[in-house]
């Protein structure tokens, strides 16, 4: 719809990526707090790694960030390439 109303393809991709990264940030923050809160329980199941090892937290955050960016970028790219006429006819 936004393409039909005059938005550029780049704006569509940027909007979808911003929304996805905002959700990622909120999820990482909640996950980080929850992981720190449950670190005592985690100690019993972790081997050769501390429950509060910053390298693990950074590594997992980067891995999730890359996965989320790809998961947001693929549909955003696809949505930006849709012909506005076809979209308007479907609505």
Protein backbone atom coordinates (compact mmCIF):
# COMPACT_ATOMS: atom_id res chain seq x y z
CA UNK A 1 0.00 0.00 0.00
CA UNK A 2 2.79 2.42 0.87
CA UNK A 3 4.37 1.86 -2.53
CA UNK A 4 1.08 2.73 -4.20
CA UNK A 5 0.90 5.92 -2.13
CA UNK A 6 4.37 7.01 -3.23
CA UNK A 7 6.84 5.50 -0.79
CA UNK A 8 10.20 4.50 -2.17
CA UNK A 9 11.41 0.92 -2.01
CA UNK A 10 14.26 1.94 0.27
CA UNK A 11 11.79 3.52 2.71
CA UNK A 12 9.77 0.30 2.87
CA UNK A 13 12.85 -1.81 3.62
CA UNK A 14 14.10 0.71 6.18
CA UNK A 15 10.74 0.85 7.96
CA UNK A 16 10.47 -2.92 8.24
CA UNK A 17 14.08 -3.29 9.41
CA UNK A 18 13.60 -0.60 12.07
CA UNK A 19 10.52 -2.34 13.42
CA UNK A 20 12.30 -5.68 13.50
CA UNK A 21 15.41 -4.30 15.18
CA UNK A 22 13.28 -2.53 17.79
CA UNK A 23 11.65 -5.87 18.64
CA UNK A 24 15.09 -7.51 18.72
CA UNK A 25 16.38 -4.90 21.16
CA UNK A 26 13.42 -5.37 23.48
CA UNK A 27 13.79 -9.15 23.32
CA UNK A 28 17.52 -9.03 23.99
CA UNK A 29 17.01 -6.74 26.96
CA UNK A 30 14.34 -9.00 28.46
CA UNK A 31 16.44 -12.08 27.75
CA UNK A 32 19.56 -10.55 29.27
CA UNK A 33 17.71 -9.62 32.47
CA UNK A 34 16.10 -13.07 32.65
CA UNK A 35 19.45 -14.80 32.07
CA UNK A 36 21.09 -12.82 34.84
CA UNK A 37 18.15 -13.52 37.16
CA UNK A 38 18.35 -17.26 36.52
CA UNK A 39 22.14 -17.50 36.48
CA UNK A 40 22.20 -19.55 39.68
CA UNK A 41 20.05 -22.24 38.08
CA UNK A 42 22.13 -22.13 34.91
CA UNK A 43 25.36 -22.85 36.78
CA UNK A 44 24.31 -26.45 37.35
CA UNK A 45 23.89 -27.17 33.61
CA UNK A 46 26.87 -25.24 32.19
CA UNK A 47 30.25 -26.87 31.72
CA UNK A 48 33.52 -24.94 31.28
CA UNK A 49 31.61 -21.64 31.06
CA UNK A 50 30.62 -19.22 33.79
CA UNK A 51 26.92 -18.39 34.05
CA UNK A 52 27.78 -14.71 33.80
CA UNK A 53 30.48 -14.94 31.11
CA UNK A 54 30.26 -11.71 29.08
CA UNK A 55 31.74 -13.35 25.99
CA UNK A 56 28.83 -15.80 25.85
CA UNK A 57 26.28 -13.00 26.24
CA UNK A 58 27.91 -10.95 23.48
CA UNK A 59 28.22 -13.97 21.19
CA UNK A 60 24.61 -14.99 21.61
CA UNK A 61 23.45 -11.39 21.16
CA UNK A 62 25.42 -11.07 17.92
CA UNK A 63 24.13 -14.40 16.62
CA UNK A 64 20.53 -13.45 17.39
CA UNK A 65 21.08 -10.01 15.90
CA UNK A 66 22.33 -11.41 12.61
CA UNK A 67 19.51 -13.96 12.47
CA UNK A 68 16.90 -11.28 13.21
CA UNK A 69 18.36 -8.90 10.62
CA UNK A 70 18.20 -11.59 7.95
CA UNK A 71 14.71 -12.61 9.06
CA UNK A 72 13.56 -8.99 8.71
CA UNK A 73 15.46 -8.17 5.54
CA UNK A 74 14.16 -11.02 3.37
CA UNK A 75 10.43 -10.17 3.75
CA UNK A 76 11.22 -6.44 3.58
CA UNK A 77 13.01 -6.88 0.28
CA UNK A 78 10.16 -9.01 -1.03
CA UNK A 79 7.56 -6.45 0.08
CA UNK A 80 9.46 -3.62 -1.58
CA UNK A 81 9.47 -5.46 -4.91
CA UNK A 82 5.71 -6.06 -5.09
CA UNK A 83 3.96 -4.26 -7.92
CA UNK A 84 1.63 -1.62 -6.39
CA UNK A 85 -1.07 -2.29 -9.00
CA UNK A 86 -1.28 -5.97 -7.99
CA UNK A 87 -1.48 -4.99 -4.34
CA UNK A 88 -4.27 -2.50 -4.95
CA UNK A 89 -6.25 -5.05 -6.96
CA UNK A 90 -5.91 -7.60 -4.15
CA UNK A 91 -7.24 -5.13 -1.59
